[in-house]
Amino acid sequence: MPILLIGLSFMGLFVLSIVIYLIKTWKVAGHPNRGLNIVIFAFSLIALIISLKLFWNMGVYADEYNASLIHVSGGMFWLYMNWLRLGLLFIIFVFSGVQLVSRSR
Protein backbone atom coordinates (compact mmCIF):
# COMPACT_ATOMS: atom_id res chain seq x y z
CA MET A 1 0.00 0.00 0.00
CA PRO A 2 2.77 2.54 0.72
CA ILE A 3 4.31 1.83 -2.68
CA LEU A 4 0.97 2.63 -4.33
CA LEU A 5 0.74 5.93 -2.45
CA ILE A 6 4.31 6.84 -3.36
CA GLY A 7 3.69 5.96 -7.01
CA LEU A 8 0.47 7.95 -7.13
CA SER A 9 2.13 10.95 -5.51
CA PHE A 10 4.98 10.85 -8.05
CA MET A 11 2.44 10.54 -10.86
CA GLY A 12 0.51 13.50 -9.48
CA LEU A 13 3.66 15.61 -9.19
CA PHE A 14 4.61 14.65 -12.74
CA VAL A 15 1.23 15.66 -14.15
CA LEU A 16 1.20 18.86 -12.07
CA SER A 17 4.64 19.85 -13.34
CA ILE A 18 3.51 19.23 -16.92
CA VAL A 19 0.43 21.41 -16.40
CA ILE A 20 2.50 24.22 -14.86
CA TYR A 21 5.02 24.03 -17.70
CA LEU A 22 2.24 24.12 -20.28
CA ILE A 23 0.64 27.16 -18.69
CA LYS A 24 3.97 29.03 -18.69
CA THR A 25 4.81 27.93 -22.24
CA TRP A 26 1.37 28.85 -23.53
CA LYS A 27 1.55 32.39 -22.11
CA VAL A 28 5.16 33.18 -23.01
CA ALA A 29 5.73 31.53 -26.37
CA GLY A 30 2.19 30.96 -27.58
CA HIS A 31 2.88 27.44 -28.87
CA PRO A 32 -0.27 25.42 -28.19
CA ASN A 33 0.88 22.58 -30.47
CA ARG A 34 4.11 22.13 -28.50
CA GLY A 35 2.15 21.84 -25.27
CA LEU A 36 -0.14 19.26 -26.82
CA ASN A 37 2.89 17.31 -28.05
CA ILE A 38 4.35 17.30 -24.55
CA VAL A 39 1.09 15.98 -23.10
CA ILE A 40 0.82 13.26 -25.76
CA PHE A 41 4.44 12.26 -25.18
CA ALA A 42 4.02 12.11 -21.39
CA PHE A 43 0.78 10.13 -21.49
CA SER A 44 2.13 7.70 -24.09
CA LEU A 45 5.19 7.13 -21.90
CA ILE A 46 3.01 6.48 -18.85
CA ALA A 47 0.74 4.11 -20.80
CA LEU A 48 3.75 2.25 -22.21
CA ILE A 49 5.32 1.81 -18.78
CA ILE A 50 2.05 0.56 -17.27
CA SER A 51 1.46 -1.89 -20.13
CA LEU A 52 5.02 -3.20 -19.95
CA LYS A 53 4.70 -3.75 -16.21
CA LEU A 54 1.39 -5.59 -16.63
CA PHE A 55 2.86 -7.79 -19.36
CA TRP A 56 5.91 -8.49 -17.20
CA ASN A 57 3.69 -9.48 -14.25
CA MET A 58 1.69 -11.78 -16.52
CA GLY A 59 4.91 -13.51 -17.56
CA VAL A 60 6.05 -13.86 -13.94
CA TYR A 61 2.69 -15.37 -13.00
CA ALA A 62 2.84 -17.80 -15.91
CA ASP A 63 6.37 -18.84 -14.92
CA GLU A 64 5.62 -19.33 -11.22
CA TYR A 65 2.46 -21.39 -11.76
CA ASN A 66 3.84 -23.42 -14.71
CA ALA A 67 1.30 -22.01 -17.13
CA SER A 68 1.78 -20.51 -20.54
CA LEU A 69 1.14 -16.95 -21.62
CA ILE A 70 -1.52 -18.29 -23.98
CA HIS A 71 -3.55 -19.65 -21.06
CA VAL A 72 -2.98 -16.58 -18.90
CA SER A 73 -3.96 -14.23 -21.73
CA GLY A 74 -7.10 -16.16 -22.56
CA GLY A 75 -6.00 -17.57 -25.88
CA MET A 76 -3.59 -17.02 -28.72
CA PHE A 77 -5.67 -14.15 -30.14
CA TRP A 78 -5.49 -12.16 -26.89
CA LEU A 79 -1.77 -12.82 -26.57
CA TYR A 80 -1.32 -11.33 -30.04
CA MET A 81 -3.50 -8.37 -29.01
CA ASN A 82 -1.25 -7.80 -25.98
CA TRP A 83 1.81 -7.75 -28.23
CA LEU A 84 0.02 -5.46 -30.67
CA ARG A 85 -0.91 -3.06 -27.86
CA LEU A 86 2.72 -2.90 -26.70
CA GLY A 87 3.92 -2.32 -30.25
CA LEU A 88 1.41 0.43 -30.97
CA LEU A 89 2.16 2.19 -27.69
CA PHE A 90 5.87 2.07 -28.49
CA ILE A 91 5.26 3.49 -31.98
CA ILE A 92 3.12 6.32 -30.53
CA PHE A 93 5.82 7.00 -27.93
CA VAL A 94 8.59 7.16 -30.55
CA PHE A 95 6.64 9.31 -33.03
CA SER A 96 5.51 11.77 -30.37
CA GLY A 97 9.08 12.02 -29.09
CA VAL A 98 10.46 12.63 -32.57
CA GLN A 99 7.79 15.24 -33.25
CA LEU A 100 8.52 16.93 -29.94
CA VAL A 101 12.25 17.13 -30.63
CA SER A 102 11.86 18.25 -34.24
CA ARG A 103 9.45 21.05 -33.31
CA SER A 104 11.71 22.48 -30.62
CA ARG A 105 14.55 23.27 -33.06
C-alpha atoms as a PDB file:
ATOM      1  CA  MET A   1       0.000   0.000   0.000  1.00  0.00           C
ATOM      2  CA  PRO A   2       2.773   2.541   0.720  1.00  0.00           C
ATOM      3  CA  ILE A   3       4.308   1.831  -2.684  1.00  0.00           C
ATOM      4  CA  LEU A   4       0.973   2.626  -4.330  1.00  0.00           C
ATOM      5  CA  LEU A   5       0.744   5.929  -2.452  1.00  0.00           C
ATOM      6  CA  ILE A   6       4.314   6.838  -3.359  1.00  0.00           C
ATOM      7  CA  GLY A   7       3.695   5.958  -7.011  1.00  0.00           C
ATOM      8  CA  LEU A   8       0.471   7.949  -7.132  1.00  0.00           C
ATOM      9  CA  SER A   9       2.133  10.948  -5.507  1.00  0.00           C
ATOM     10  CA  PHE A  10       4.984  10.854  -8.047  1.00  0.00           C
ATOM     11  CA  MET A  11       2.440  10.538 -10.856  1.00  0.00           C
ATOM     12  CA  GLY A  12       0.510  13.504  -9.481  1.00  0.00           C
ATOM     13  CA  LEU A  13       3.655  15.614  -9.191  1.00  0.00           C
ATOM     14  CA  PHE A  14       4.614  14.655 -12.738  1.00  0.00           C
ATOM     15  CA  VAL A  15       1.226  15.660 -14.148  1.00  0.00           C
ATOM     16  CA  LEU A  16       1.204  18.856 -12.069  1.00  0.00           C
ATOM     17  CA  SER A  17       4.642  19.853 -13.341  1.00  0.00           C
ATOM     18  CA  ILE A  18       3.509  19.232 -16.922  1.00  0.00           C
ATOM     19  CA  VAL A  19       0.432  21.413 -16.398  1.00  0.00           C
ATOM     20  CA  ILE A  20       2.500  24.219 -14.858  1.00  0.00           C
ATOM     21  CA  TYR A  21       5.024  24.029 -17.698  1.00  0.00           C
ATOM     22  CA  LEU A  22       2.238  24.117 -20.281  1.00  0.00           C
ATOM     23  CA  ILE A  23       0.643  27.161 -18.690  1.00  0.00           C
ATOM     24  CA  LYS A  24       3.967  29.030 -18.693  1.00  0.00           C
ATOM     25  CA  THR A  25       4.808  27.934 -22.236  1.00  0.00           C
ATOM     26  CA  TRP A  26       1.373  28.853 -23.529  1.00  0.00           C
ATOM     27  CA  LYS A  27       1.547  32.386 -22.108  1.00  0.00           C
ATOM     28  CA  VAL A  28       5.155  33.180 -23.011  1.00  0.00           C
ATOM     29  CA  ALA A  29       5.734  31.529 -26.367  1.00  0.00           C
ATOM     30  CA  GLY A  30       2.192  30.961 -27.577  1.00  0.00           C
ATOM     31  CA  HIS A  31       2.877  27.436 -28.867  1.00  0.00           C
ATOM     32  CA  PRO A  32      -0.273  25.417 -28.191  1.00  0.00           C
ATOM     33  CA  ASN A  33       0.884  22.579 -30.470  1.00  0.00           C
ATOM     34  CA  ARG A  34       4.106  22.135 -28.504  1.00  0.00           C
ATOM     35  CA  GLY A  35       2.155  21.836 -25.271  1.00  0.00           C
ATOM     36  CA  LEU A  36      -0.139  19.261 -26.816  1.00  0.00           C
ATOM     37  CA  ASN A  37       2.891  17.309 -28.055  1.00  0.00           C
ATOM     38  CA  ILE A  38       4.345  17.299 -24.546  1.00  0.00           C
ATOM     39  CA  VAL A  39       1.094  15.980 -23.101  1.00  0.00           C
ATOM     40  CA  ILE A  40       0.816  13.256 -25.757  1.00  0.00           C
ATOM     41  CA  PHE A  41       4.439  12.258 -25.178  1.00  0.00           C
ATOM     42  CA  ALA A  42       4.018  12.114 -21.390  1.00  0.00           C
ATOM     43  CA  PHE A  43       0.780  10.127 -21.487  1.00  0.00           C
ATOM     44  CA  SER A  44       2.135   7.704 -24.094  1.00  0.00           C
ATOM     45  CA  LEU A  45       5.194   7.131 -21.903  1.00  0.00           C
ATOM     46  CA  ILE A  46       3.011   6.478 -18.852  1.00  0.00           C
ATOM     47  CA  ALA A  47       0.738   4.110 -20.804  1.00  0.00           C
ATOM     48  CA  LEU A  48       3.754   2.247 -22.212  1.00  0.00           C
ATOM     49  CA  ILE A  49       5.319   1.807 -18.777  1.00  0.00           C
ATOM     50  CA  ILE A  50       2.048   0.556 -17.270  1.00  0.00           C
ATOM     51  CA  SER A  51       1.464  -1.886 -20.131  1.00  0.00           C
ATOM     52  CA  LEU A  52       5.024  -3.201 -19.950  1.00  0.00           C
ATOM     53  CA  LYS A  53       4.701  -3.752 -16.211  1.00  0.00           C
ATOM     54  CA  LEU A  54       1.395  -5.593 -16.626  1.00  0.00           C
ATOM     55  CA  PHE A  55       2.861  -7.788 -19.361  1.00  0.00           C
ATOM     56  CA  TRP A  56       5.906  -8.493 -17.202  1.00  0.00           C
ATOM     57  CA  ASN A  57       3.686  -9.476 -14.252  1.00  0.00           C
ATOM     58  CA  MET A  58       1.692 -11.781 -16.521  1.00  0.00           C
ATOM     59  CA  GLY A  59       4.911 -13.510 -17.561  1.00  0.00           C
ATOM     60  CA  VAL A  60       6.052 -13.857 -13.944  1.00  0.00           C
ATOM     61  CA  TYR A  61       2.686 -15.367 -13.000  1.00  0.00           C
ATOM     62  CA  ALA A  62       2.840 -17.804 -15.908  1.00  0.00           C
ATOM     63  CA  ASP A  63       6.371 -18.839 -14.922  1.00  0.00           C
ATOM     64  CA  GLU A  64       5.618 -19.329 -11.223  1.00  0.00           C
ATOM     65  CA  TYR A  65       2.465 -21.393 -11.759  1.00  0.00           C
ATOM     66  CA  ASN A  66       3.841 -23.417 -14.708  1.00  0.00           C
ATOM     67  CA  ALA A  67       1.298 -22.009 -17.127  1.00  0.00           C
ATOM     68  CA  SER A  68       1.783 -20.513 -20.543  1.00  0.00           C
ATOM     69  CA  LEU A  69       1.140 -16.950 -21.621  1.00  0.00           C
ATOM     70  CA  ILE A  70      -1.516 -18.291 -23.979  1.00  0.00           C
ATOM     71  CA  HIS A  71      -3.550 -19.649 -21.062  1.00  0.00           C
ATOM     72  CA  VAL A  72      -2.977 -16.585 -18.897  1.00  0.00           C
ATOM     73  CA  SER A  73      -3.964 -14.232 -21.733  1.00  0.00           C
ATOM     74  CA  GLY A  74      -7.097 -16.162 -22.557  1.00  0.00           C
ATOM     75  CA  GLY A  75      -5.997 -17.569 -25.884  1.00  0.00           C
ATOM     76  CA  MET A  76      -3.592 -17.017 -28.717  1.00  0.00           C
ATOM     77  CA  PHE A  77      -5.672 -14.147 -30.136  1.00  0.00           C
ATOM     78  CA  TRP A  78      -5.485 -12.160 -26.891  1.00  0.00           C
ATOM     79  CA  LEU A  79      -1.768 -12.816 -26.572  1.00  0.00           C
ATOM     80  CA  TYR A  80      -1.317 -11.325 -30.038  1.00  0.00           C
ATOM     81  CA  MET A  81      -3.497  -8.372 -29.007  1.00  0.00           C
ATOM     82  CA  ASN A  82      -1.247  -7.795 -25.978  1.00  0.00           C
ATOM     83  CA  TRP A  83       1.813  -7.747 -28.233  1.00  0.00           C
ATOM     84  CA  LEU A  84       0.018  -5.460 -30.674  1.00  0.00           C
ATOM     85  CA  ARG A  85      -0.906  -3.056 -27.862  1.00  0.00           C
ATOM     86  CA  LEU A  86       2.715  -2.903 -26.701  1.00  0.00           C
ATOM     87  CA  GLY A  87       3.916  -2.320 -30.245  1.00  0.00           C
ATOM     88  CA  LEU A  88       1.415   0.432 -30.966  1.00  0.00           C
ATOM     89  CA  LEU A  89       2.160   2.186 -27.686  1.00  0.00           C
ATOM     90  CA  PHE A  90       5.868   2.070 -28.485  1.00  0.00           C
ATOM     91  CA  ILE A  91       5.257   3.494 -31.976  1.00  0.00           C
ATOM     92  CA  ILE A  92       3.120   6.322 -30.526  1.00  0.00           C
ATOM     93  CA  PHE A  93       5.818   7.002 -27.931  1.00  0.00           C
ATOM     94  CA  VAL A  94       8.592   7.161 -30.547  1.00  0.00           C
ATOM     95  CA  PHE A  95       6.638   9.305 -33.030  1.00  0.00           C
ATOM     96  CA  SER A  96       5.510  11.765 -30.371  1.00  0.00           C
ATOM     97  CA  GLY A  97       9.083  12.025 -29.086  1.00  0.00           C
ATOM     98  CA  VAL A  98      10.462  12.635 -32.568  1.00  0.00           C
ATOM     99  CA  GLN A  99       7.787  15.237 -33.246  1.00  0.00           C
ATOM    100  CA  LEU A 100       8.515  16.934 -29.939  1.00  0.00           C
ATOM    101  CA  VAL A 101      12.246  17.128 -30.629  1.00  0.00           C
ATOM    102  CA  SER A 102      11.860  18.251 -34.241  1.00  0.00           C
ATOM    103  CA  ARG A 103       9.449  21.047 -33.314  1.00  0.00           C
ATOM    104  CA  SER A 104      11.709  22.477 -30.624  1.00  0.00           C
ATOM    105  CA  ARG A 105      14.547  23.268 -33.059  1.00  0.00           C
END
